[in-house]
All heavy atoms as atom14 arrays in JSON, in Angstrom:
{
  "sequence": "VEQLRTARRFLSKIKTPIPIDDMTFFPLNKHTELKEVYSYLAP",
  "atom14_mask": [
    [1, 1, 1, 1, 1, 1, 1, 0, 0, 0, 0, 0, 0, 0],
    [1, 1, 1, 1, 1, 1, 1, 1, 1, 0, 0, 0, 0, 0],
    [1, 1, 1, 1, 1, 1, 1, 1, 1, 0, 0, 0, 0, 0],
    [1, 1, 1, 1, 1, 1, 1, 1, 0, 0, 0, 0, 0, 0],
    [1, 1, 1, 1, 1, 1, 1, 1, 1, 1, 1, 0, 0, 0],
    [1, 1, 1, 1, 1, 1, 1, 0, 0, 0, 0, 0, 0, 0],
    [1, 1, 1, 1, 1, 0, 0, 0, 0, 0, 0, 0, 0, 0],
    [1, 1, 1, 1, 1, 1, 1, 1, 1, 1, 1, 0, 0, 0],
    [1, 1, 1, 1, 1, 1, 1, 1, 1, 1, 1, 0, 0, 0],
    [1, 1, 1, 1, 1, 1, 1, 1, 1, 1, 1, 0, 0, 0],
    [1, 1, 1, 1, 1, 1, 1, 1, 0, 0, 0, 0, 0, 0],
    [1, 1, 1, 1, 1, 1, 0, 0, 0, 0, 0, 0, 0, 0],
    [1, 1, 1, 1, 1, 1, 1, 1, 1, 0, 0, 0, 0, 0],
    [1, 1, 1, 1, 1, 1, 1, 1, 0, 0, 0, 0, 0, 0],
    [1, 1, 1, 1, 1, 1, 1, 1, 1, 0, 0, 0, 0, 0],
    [1, 1, 1, 1, 1, 1, 1, 0, 0, 0, 0, 0, 0, 0],
    [1, 1, 1, 1, 1, 1, 1, 0, 0, 0, 0, 0, 0, 0],
    [1, 1, 1, 1, 1, 1, 1, 1, 0, 0, 0, 0, 0, 0],
    [1, 1, 1, 1, 1, 1, 1, 0, 0, 0, 0, 0, 0, 0],
    [1, 1, 1, 1, 1, 1, 1, 1, 0, 0, 0, 0, 0, 0],
    [1, 1, 1, 1, 1, 1, 1, 1, 0, 0, 0, 0, 0, 0],
    [1, 1, 1, 1, 1, 1, 1, 1, 0, 0, 0, 0, 0, 0],
    [1, 1, 1, 1, 1, 1, 1, 1, 0, 0, 0, 0, 0, 0],
    [1, 1, 1, 1, 1, 1, 1, 0, 0, 0, 0, 0, 0, 0],
    [1, 1, 1, 1, 1, 1, 1, 1, 1, 1, 1, 0, 0, 0],
    [1, 1, 1, 1, 1, 1, 1, 1, 1, 1, 1, 0, 0, 0],
    [1, 1, 1, 1, 1, 1, 1, 0, 0, 0, 0, 0, 0, 0],
    [1, 1, 1, 1, 1, 1, 1, 1, 0, 0, 0, 0, 0, 0],
    [1, 1, 1, 1, 1, 1, 1, 1, 0, 0, 0, 0, 0, 0],
    [1, 1, 1, 1, 1, 1, 1, 1, 1, 0, 0, 0, 0, 0],
    [1, 1, 1, 1, 1, 1, 1, 1, 1, 1, 0, 0, 0, 0],
    [1, 1, 1, 1, 1, 1, 1, 0, 0, 0, 0, 0, 0, 0],
    [1, 1, 1, 1, 1, 1, 1, 1, 1, 0, 0, 0, 0, 0],
    [1, 1, 1, 1, 1, 1, 1, 1, 0, 0, 0, 0, 0, 0],
    [1, 1, 1, 1, 1, 1, 1, 1, 1, 0, 0, 0, 0, 0],
    [1, 1, 1, 1, 1, 1, 1, 1, 1, 0, 0, 0, 0, 0],
    [1, 1, 1, 1, 1, 1, 1, 0, 0, 0, 0, 0, 0, 0],
    [1, 1, 1, 1, 1, 1, 1, 1, 1, 1, 1, 1, 0, 0],
    [1, 1, 1, 1, 1, 1, 0, 0, 0, 0, 0, 0, 0, 0],
    [1, 1, 1, 1, 1, 1, 1, 1, 1, 1, 1, 1, 0, 0],
    [1, 1, 1, 1, 1, 1, 1, 1, 0, 0, 0, 0, 0, 0],
    [1, 1, 1, 1, 1, 0, 0, 0, 0, 0, 0, 0, 0, 0],
    [1, 1, 1, 1, 1, 1, 1, 0, 0, 0, 0, 0, 0, 0]
  ],
  "atom14_positions": [
    [[-3.38, -2.26, -13.31], [-3.69, -3.65, -13.56], [-4.73, -4.16, -12.6], [-4.86, -3.66, -11.42], [-2.45, -4.54, -13.48], [-1.38, -4.04, -14.48], [-1.84, -4.64, -12.05], [0.0, 0.0, 0.0], [0.0, 0.0, 0.0], [0.0, 0.0, 0.0], [0.0, 0.0, 0.0], [0.0, 0.0, 0.0], [0.0, 0.0, 0.0], [0.0, 0.0, 0.0]],
    [[-5.48, -5.23, -12.99], [-6.43, -5.81, -12.08], [-5.74, -6.8, -11.06], [-5.91, -6.72, -9.88], [-7.5, -6.59, -12.88], [-8.61, -7.15, -12.0], [-9.77, -7.77, -12.84], [-9.69, -7.69, -14.05], [-10.68, -8.26, -12.2], [0.0, 0.0, 0.0], [0.0, 0.0, 0.0], [0.0, 0.0, 0.0], [0.0, 0.0, 0.0], [0.0, 0.0, 0.0]],
    [[-4.86, -7.62, -11.65], [-4.12, -8.59, -10.8], [-2.64, -8.51, -11.16], [-2.23, -8.68, -12.35], [-4.67, -10.04, -11.03], [-6.09, -10.24, -10.67], [-6.31, -10.14, -9.16], [-5.36, -10.34, -8.34], [-7.56, -9.87, -8.74], [0.0, 0.0, 0.0], [0.0, 0.0, 0.0], [0.0, 0.0, 0.0], [0.0, 0.0, 0.0], [0.0, 0.0, 0.0]],
    [[-1.84, -8.3, -10.17], [-0.38, -8.11, -10.35], [0.21, -9.31, -11.0], [1.05, -9.24, -11.95], [0.29, -7.71, -9.06], [1.81, -7.58, -9.13], [2.24, -6.51, -10.15], [2.35, -7.28, -7.72], [0.0, 0.0, 0.0], [0.0, 0.0, 0.0], [0.0, 0.0, 0.0], [0.0, 0.0, 0.0], [0.0, 0.0, 0.0], [0.0, 0.0, 0.0]],
    [[-0.13, -10.52, -10.55], [0.47, -11.75, -10.96], [0.2, -11.97, -12.41], [1.1, -12.35, -13.23], [-0.09, -12.92, -10.15], [0.51, -14.24, -10.53], [-0.1, -15.35, -9.64], [0.46, -16.64, -10.04], [0.04, -17.79, -9.44], [-0.87, -17.74, -8.51], [0.54, -18.94, -9.82], [0.0, 0.0, 0.0], [0.0, 0.0, 0.0], [0.0, 0.0, 0.0]],
    [[-1.03, -11.72, -12.85], [-1.42, -11.91, -14.31], [-0.72, -10.93, -15.18], [-0.19, -11.31, -16.23], [-2.92, -11.74, -14.48], [-3.63, -12.64, -13.52], [-3.33, -12.11, -15.88], [0.0, 0.0, 0.0], [0.0, 0.0, 0.0], [0.0, 0.0, 0.0], [0.0, 0.0, 0.0], [0.0, 0.0, 0.0], [0.0, 0.0, 0.0], [0.0, 0.0, 0.0]],
    [[-0.55, -9.7, -14.69], [0.12, -8.67, -15.46], [1.58, -8.96, -15.67], [2.14, -8.89, -16.77], [-0.02, -7.27, -14.76], [0.0, 0.0, 0.0], [0.0, 0.0, 0.0], [0.0, 0.0, 0.0], [0.0, 0.0, 0.0], [0.0, 0.0, 0.0], [0.0, 0.0, 0.0], [0.0, 0.0, 0.0], [0.0, 0.0, 0.0], [0.0, 0.0, 0.0]],
    [[2.27, -9.42, -14.56], [3.65, -9.81, -14.65], [3.87, -10.95, -15.62], [4.82, -11.01, -16.4], [4.19, -10.1, -13.3], [4.27, -8.89, -12.37], [4.62, -9.29, -10.94], [5.97, -9.85, -10.89], [7.05, -9.19, -10.45], [6.93, -7.88, -10.15], [8.23, -9.73, -10.42], [0.0, 0.0, 0.0], [0.0, 0.0, 0.0], [0.0, 0.0, 0.0]],
    [[2.94, -11.89, -15.59], [3.05, -13.08, -16.46], [2.91, -12.7, -17.93], [3.63, -13.15, -18.79], [1.94, -14.08, -16.08], [2.03, -15.39, -16.89], [0.91, -16.31, -16.61], [0.72, -16.58, -15.11], [-0.37, -16.43, -14.54], [-1.47, -15.97, -15.12], [-0.45, -16.66, -13.21], [0.0, 0.0, 0.0], [0.0, 0.0, 0.0], [0.0, 0.0, 0.0]],
    [[1.94, -11.71, -18.24], [1.79, -11.28, -19.58], [2.99, -10.56, -20.06], [3.49, -10.8, -21.17], [0.52, -10.42, -19.68], [0.43, -9.68, -21.01], [0.01, -10.37, -22.16], [0.74, -8.38, -21.1], [-0.07, -9.76, -23.39], [0.58, -7.66, -22.37], [0.18, -8.39, -23.5], [0.0, 0.0, 0.0], [0.0, 0.0, 0.0], [0.0, 0.0, 0.0]],
    [[3.54, -9.65, -19.26], [4.73, -8.87, -19.7], [5.87, -9.77, -19.9], [6.76, -9.49, -20.74], [4.95, -7.76, -18.66], [3.91, -6.63, -18.55], [4.06, -5.79, -17.38], [3.95, -5.83, -19.89], [0.0, 0.0, 0.0], [0.0, 0.0, 0.0], [0.0, 0.0, 0.0], [0.0, 0.0, 0.0], [0.0, 0.0, 0.0], [0.0, 0.0, 0.0]],
    [[6.04, -10.82, -19.09], [7.11, -11.76, -19.27], [6.92, -12.54, -20.62], [7.89, -12.8, -21.38], [7.18, -12.79, -18.18], [7.51, -12.16, -16.96], [0.0, 0.0, 0.0], [0.0, 0.0, 0.0], [0.0, 0.0, 0.0], [0.0, 0.0, 0.0], [0.0, 0.0, 0.0], [0.0, 0.0, 0.0], [0.0, 0.0, 0.0], [0.0, 0.0, 0.0]],
    [[5.66, -12.83, -20.92], [5.31, -13.58, -22.15], [5.65, -12.82, -23.4], [6.14, -13.42, -24.44], [3.81, -13.94, -22.12], [3.32, -14.86, -23.2], [1.91, -15.22, -23.03], [1.44, -16.26, -23.99], [-0.03, -16.6, -23.78], [0.0, 0.0, 0.0], [0.0, 0.0, 0.0], [0.0, 0.0, 0.0], [0.0, 0.0, 0.0], [0.0, 0.0, 0.0]],
    [[5.51, -11.48, -23.34], [5.77, -10.7, -24.55], [7.28, -10.28, -24.55], [7.7, -9.56, -25.48], [4.91, -9.48, -24.68], [5.13, -8.47, -23.54], [3.45, -9.85, -24.73], [4.42, -7.09, -23.7], [0.0, 0.0, 0.0], [0.0, 0.0, 0.0], [0.0, 0.0, 0.0], [0.0, 0.0, 0.0], [0.0, 0.0, 0.0], [0.0, 0.0, 0.0]],
    [[8.0, -10.73, -23.58], [9.46, -10.41, -23.49], [9.76, -8.96, -23.46], [10.53, -8.46, -24.28], [10.17, -11.11, -24.64], [10.08, -12.63, -24.58], [10.83, -13.32, -25.76], [10.94, -14.77, -25.61], [9.66, -15.47, -25.44], [0.0, 0.0, 0.0], [0.0, 0.0, 0.0], [0.0, 0.0, 0.0], [0.0, 0.0, 0.0], [0.0, 0.0, 0.0]],
    [[9.15, -8.28, -22.52], [9.39, -6.83, -22.4], [10.88, -6.6, -22.02], [11.43, -7.35, -21.22], [8.45, -6.17, -21.3], [8.83, -4.83, -21.19], [8.61, -6.87, -20.04], [0.0, 0.0, 0.0], [0.0, 0.0, 0.0], [0.0, 0.0, 0.0], [0.0, 0.0, 0.0], [0.0, 0.0, 0.0], [0.0, 0.0, 0.0], [0.0, 0.0, 0.0]],
    [[11.56, -5.64, -22.68], [12.97, -5.4, -22.41], [13.21, -4.72, -21.05], [14.33, -4.72, -20.53], [13.4, -4.53, -23.55], [12.11, -3.77, -24.0], [11.03, -4.74, -23.74], [0.0, 0.0, 0.0], [0.0, 0.0, 0.0], [0.0, 0.0, 0.0], [0.0, 0.0, 0.0], [0.0, 0.0, 0.0], [0.0, 0.0, 0.0], [0.0, 0.0, 0.0]],
    [[12.16, -4.14, -20.49], [12.31, -3.49, -19.22], [12.13, -4.49, -18.04], [11.16, -5.25, -18.05], [11.23, -2.38, -19.08], [11.35, -1.35, -20.17], [11.39, -1.64, -17.69], [10.23, -0.36, -20.24], [0.0, 0.0, 0.0], [0.0, 0.0, 0.0], [0.0, 0.0, 0.0], [0.0, 0.0, 0.0], [0.0, 0.0, 0.0], [0.0, 0.0, 0.0]],
    [[13.12, -4.61, -17.18], [12.98, -5.6, -16.06], [11.66, -5.3, -15.25], [11.36, -4.16, -14.87], [14.19, -5.22, -15.14], [15.18, -4.62, -16.08], [14.34, -3.81, -17.01], [0.0, 0.0, 0.0], [0.0, 0.0, 0.0], [0.0, 0.0, 0.0], [0.0, 0.0, 0.0], [0.0, 0.0, 0.0], [0.0, 0.0, 0.0], [0.0, 0.0, 0.0]],
    [[10.91, -6.37, -15.09], [9.59, -6.27, -14.46], [9.73, -5.75, -13.03], [8.82, -5.01, -12.59], [8.9, -7.59, -14.46], [8.52, -8.01, -15.95], [7.58, -7.58, -13.64], [7.88, -9.32, -16.13], [0.0, 0.0, 0.0], [0.0, 0.0, 0.0], [0.0, 0.0, 0.0], [0.0, 0.0, 0.0], [0.0, 0.0, 0.0], [0.0, 0.0, 0.0]],
    [[10.79, -6.04, -12.34], [10.97, -5.53, -10.98], [11.24, -4.05, -10.92], [11.15, -3.43, -9.87], [12.15, -6.3, -10.32], [11.81, -7.76, -10.0], [10.63, -8.01, -9.9], [12.7, -8.53, -9.75], [0.0, 0.0, 0.0], [0.0, 0.0, 0.0], [0.0, 0.0, 0.0], [0.0, 0.0, 0.0], [0.0, 0.0, 0.0], [0.0, 0.0, 0.0]],
    [[11.53, -3.42, -12.08], [11.79, -2.02, -12.15], [10.45, -1.24, -12.58], [10.47, -0.03, -12.66], [12.87, -1.68, -13.18], [14.22, -2.16, -12.75], [14.45, -2.44, -11.57], [15.14, -2.21, -13.59], [0.0, 0.0, 0.0], [0.0, 0.0, 0.0], [0.0, 0.0, 0.0], [0.0, 0.0, 0.0], [0.0, 0.0, 0.0], [0.0, 0.0, 0.0]],
    [[9.45, -2.04, -12.8], [8.17, -1.41, -13.22], [7.31, -0.99, -12.02], [7.49, -1.48, -10.88], [7.35, -2.4, -14.06], [7.96, -2.74, -15.41], [6.99, -3.85, -16.41], [7.91, -3.94, -17.9], [0.0, 0.0, 0.0], [0.0, 0.0, 0.0], [0.0, 0.0, 0.0], [0.0, 0.0, 0.0], [0.0, 0.0, 0.0], [0.0, 0.0, 0.0]],
    [[6.37, -0.1, -12.31], [5.36, 0.36, -11.29], [4.01, -0.2, -11.67], [3.56, -0.06, -12.85], [5.29, 1.88, -11.21], [6.62, 2.41, -10.89], [4.31, 2.34, -10.22], [0.0, 0.0, 0.0], [0.0, 0.0, 0.0], [0.0, 0.0, 0.0], [0.0, 0.0, 0.0], [0.0, 0.0, 0.0], [0.0, 0.0, 0.0], [0.0, 0.0, 0.0]],
    [[3.31, -0.79, -10.7], [1.99, -1.37, -10.93], [1.05, -0.73, -9.93], [1.3, -0.78, -8.74], [1.99, -2.87, -10.78], [2.86, -3.58, -11.74], [4.17, -3.95, -11.54], [2.31, -3.93, -13.08], [4.92, -4.58, -12.42], [3.11, -4.6, -13.99], [4.44, -4.95, -13.69], [0.0, 0.0, 0.0], [0.0, 0.0, 0.0], [0.0, 0.0, 0.0]],
    [[-0.12, -0.27, -10.46], [-1.24, 0.25, -9.64], [-2.37, -0.73, -9.71], [-2.87, -0.99, -10.79], [-1.61, 1.59, -10.14], [-0.61, 2.66, -10.04], [-0.06, 3.25, -11.21], [-0.15, 3.17, -8.79], [0.85, 4.19, -11.12], [0.82, 4.11, -8.76], [1.35, 4.64, -9.86], [0.0, 0.0, 0.0], [0.0, 0.0, 0.0], [0.0, 0.0, 0.0]],
    [[-2.79, -1.31, -8.56], [-3.92, -2.25, -8.58], [-5.26, -1.6, -8.78], [-5.53, -0.52, -8.16], [-3.85, -2.92, -7.26], [-3.23, -1.88, -6.38], [-2.26, -1.12, -7.18], [0.0, 0.0, 0.0], [0.0, 0.0, 0.0], [0.0, 0.0, 0.0], [0.0, 0.0, 0.0], [0.0, 0.0, 0.0], [0.0, 0.0, 0.0], [0.0, 0.0, 0.0]],
    [[-6.13, -2.18, -9.59], [-7.5, -1.67, -9.82], [-8.43, -2.84, -9.82], [-8.57, -3.55, -10.8], [-7.59, -0.93, -11.15], [-8.96, -0.39, -11.5], [-9.4, 0.72, -10.46], [-9.03, 0.18, -12.87], [0.0, 0.0, 0.0], [0.0, 0.0, 0.0], [0.0, 0.0, 0.0], [0.0, 0.0, 0.0], [0.0, 0.0, 0.0], [0.0, 0.0, 0.0]],
    [[-9.0, -3.06, -8.64], [-9.94, -4.16, -8.48], [-10.96, -3.82, -7.39], [-11.02, -2.62, -6.97], [-9.23, -5.48, -8.16], [-8.22, -5.31, -6.96], [-8.65, -4.84, -5.94], [-7.03, -5.75, -7.18], [0.0, 0.0, 0.0], [0.0, 0.0, 0.0], [0.0, 0.0, 0.0], [0.0, 0.0, 0.0], [0.0, 0.0, 0.0], [0.0, 0.0, 0.0]],
    [[-11.76, -4.8, -6.94], [-12.88, -4.44, -6.02], [-12.33, -4.06, -4.66], [-13.09, -3.45, -3.85], [-13.74, -5.7, -5.83], [-13.07, -6.92, -5.33], [-14.01, -8.08, -5.25], [-13.32, -9.37, -4.76], [-14.28, -10.49, -4.71], [0.0, 0.0, 0.0], [0.0, 0.0, 0.0], [0.0, 0.0, 0.0], [0.0, 0.0, 0.0], [0.0, 0.0, 0.0]],
    [[-11.05, -4.21, -4.38], [-10.47, -3.82, -3.13], [-9.83, -2.43, -3.18], [-9.53, -1.84, -2.12], [-9.41, -4.8, -2.66], [-9.92, -6.22, -2.54], [-10.86, -6.62, -1.68], [-9.54, -7.31, -3.28], [-11.1, -7.94, -1.8], [-10.33, -8.35, -2.8], [0.0, 0.0, 0.0], [0.0, 0.0, 0.0], [0.0, 0.0, 0.0], [0.0, 0.0, 0.0]],
    [[-9.81, -1.86, -4.33], [-9.11, -0.53, -4.47], [-10.04, 0.61, -4.06], [-11.22, 0.64, -4.47], [-8.75, -0.28, -6.02], [-8.01, -1.43, -6.48], [-7.86, 0.99, -6.09], [0.0, 0.0, 0.0], [0.0, 0.0, 0.0], [0.0, 0.0, 0.0], [0.0, 0.0, 0.0], [0.0, 0.0, 0.0], [0.0, 0.0, 0.0], [0.0, 0.0, 0.0]],
    [[-9.58, 1.51, -3.18], [-10.37, 2.62, -2.74], [-10.31, 3.69, -3.85], [-9.36, 3.94, -4.53], [-9.77, 3.18, -1.44], [-9.93, 2.18, -0.33], [-9.52, 2.8, 1.08], [-9.4, 4.04, 1.1], [-9.34, 2.05, 1.99], [0.0, 0.0, 0.0], [0.0, 0.0, 0.0], [0.0, 0.0, 0.0], [0.0, 0.0, 0.0], [0.0, 0.0, 0.0]],
    [[-11.45, 4.41, -3.93], [-11.63, 5.46, -4.95], [-10.57, 6.5, -4.89], [-10.03, 6.97, -5.89], [-12.99, 6.13, -4.87], [-13.51, 6.77, -6.07], [-13.55, 5.85, -7.26], [-14.92, 7.38, -5.79], [0.0, 0.0, 0.0], [0.0, 0.0, 0.0], [0.0, 0.0, 0.0], [0.0, 0.0, 0.0], [0.0, 0.0, 0.0], [0.0, 0.0, 0.0]],
    [[-10.15, 6.92, -3.67], [-9.16, 7.95, -3.5], [-7.77, 7.47, -4.1], [-6.96, 8.32, -4.56], [-9.04, 8.35, -2.06], [-8.57, 7.27, -1.13], [-8.51, 7.78, 0.33], [-8.12, 6.68, 1.33], [-8.01, 7.11, 2.68], [0.0, 0.0, 0.0], [0.0, 0.0, 0.0], [0.0, 0.0, 0.0], [0.0, 0.0, 0.0], [0.0, 0.0, 0.0]],
    [[-7.54, 6.19, -4.06], [-6.29, 5.68, -4.6], [-6.31, 5.8, -6.15], [-5.35, 6.17, -6.8], [-6.12, 4.21, -4.28], [-5.8, 3.98, -2.8], [-5.55, 2.51, -2.55], [-4.52, 1.96, -2.99], [-6.39, 1.83, -1.93], [0.0, 0.0, 0.0], [0.0, 0.0, 0.0], [0.0, 0.0, 0.0], [0.0, 0.0, 0.0], [0.0, 0.0, 0.0]],
    [[-7.46, 5.4, -6.7], [-7.67, 5.45, -8.17], [-7.32, 6.85, -8.76], [-6.7, 6.95, -9.81], [-9.04, 5.01, -8.56], [-9.37, 5.25, -10.04], [-9.36, 3.61, -8.15], [0.0, 0.0, 0.0], [0.0, 0.0, 0.0], [0.0, 0.0, 0.0], [0.0, 0.0, 0.0], [0.0, 0.0, 0.0], [0.0, 0.0, 0.0], [0.0, 0.0, 0.0]],
    [[-7.77, 7.87, -8.07], [-7.55, 9.23, -8.54], [-6.09, 9.58, -8.71], [-5.74, 10.47, -9.45], [-8.25, 10.24, -7.65], [-9.77, 10.17, -7.69], [-10.54, 10.43, -6.59], [-10.43, 9.79, -8.89], [-11.98, 10.34, -6.65], [-11.83, 9.72, -8.92], [-12.55, 10.01, -7.86], [-13.96, 9.87, -7.86], [0.0, 0.0, 0.0], [0.0, 0.0, 0.0]],
    [[-5.23, 8.86, -7.94], [-3.76, 9.25, -7.93], [-2.99, 8.42, -9.0], [-1.94, 8.75, -9.36], [-3.21, 8.89, -6.56], [-3.18, 7.46, -6.36], [0.0, 0.0, 0.0], [0.0, 0.0, 0.0], [0.0, 0.0, 0.0], [0.0, 0.0, 0.0], [0.0, 0.0, 0.0], [0.0, 0.0, 0.0], [0.0, 0.0, 0.0], [0.0, 0.0, 0.0]],
    [[-3.71, 7.47, -9.63], [-3.01, 6.59, -10.54], [-2.59, 7.35, -11.84], [-1.71, 6.86, -12.54], [-3.9, 5.42, -11.02], [-4.08, 4.36, -9.9], [-4.91, 3.3, -10.06], [-3.36, 4.47, -8.64], [-5.1, 2.36, -9.08], [-3.57, 3.54, -7.69], [-4.44, 2.46, -7.83], [-4.61, 1.56, -6.88], [0.0, 0.0, 0.0], [0.0, 0.0, 0.0]],
    [[-3.23, 8.4, -12.11], [-2.92, 9.17, -13.4], [-1.86, 10.24, -13.17], [-1.51, 10.93, -14.1], [-4.15, 9.79, -13.99], [-5.19, 8.78, -14.58], [-6.53, 9.49, -14.92], [-4.65, 8.06, -15.75], [0.0, 0.0, 0.0], [0.0, 0.0, 0.0], [0.0, 0.0, 0.0], [0.0, 0.0, 0.0], [0.0, 0.0, 0.0], [0.0, 0.0, 0.0]],
    [[-1.35, 10.35, -11.98], [-0.34, 11.32, -11.62], [0.89, 11.22, -12.57], [1.39, 12.29, -13.09], [0.11, 11.22, -10.2], [0.0, 0.0, 0.0], [0.0, 0.0, 0.0], [0.0, 0.0, 0.0], [0.0, 0.0, 0.0], [0.0, 0.0, 0.0], [0.0, 0.0, 0.0], [0.0, 0.0, 0.0], [0.0, 0.0, 0.0], [0.0, 0.0, 0.0]],
    [[1.35, 10.04, -12.89], [2.53, 9.92, -13.79], [2.2, 10.49, -15.15], [3.06, 11.14, -15.84], [2.88, 8.41, -13.88], [2.31, 7.84, -12.58], [1.07, 8.67, -12.29], [0.0, 0.0, 0.0], [0.0, 0.0, 0.0], [0.0, 0.0, 0.0], [0.0, 0.0, 0.0], [0.0, 0.0, 0.0], [0.0, 0.0, 0.0], [0.0, 0.0, 0.0]]
  ]
}
């Protein structure tokens, strides 16, 4: 996700059955280092 807050708001809006606090979020924005990005596809 680009912004964690916006992502959590959207998932709450669509009433996801999975508790949001149990989810994993990887940030992707101008502050994200390239080496971090490469690890995001590990799952």
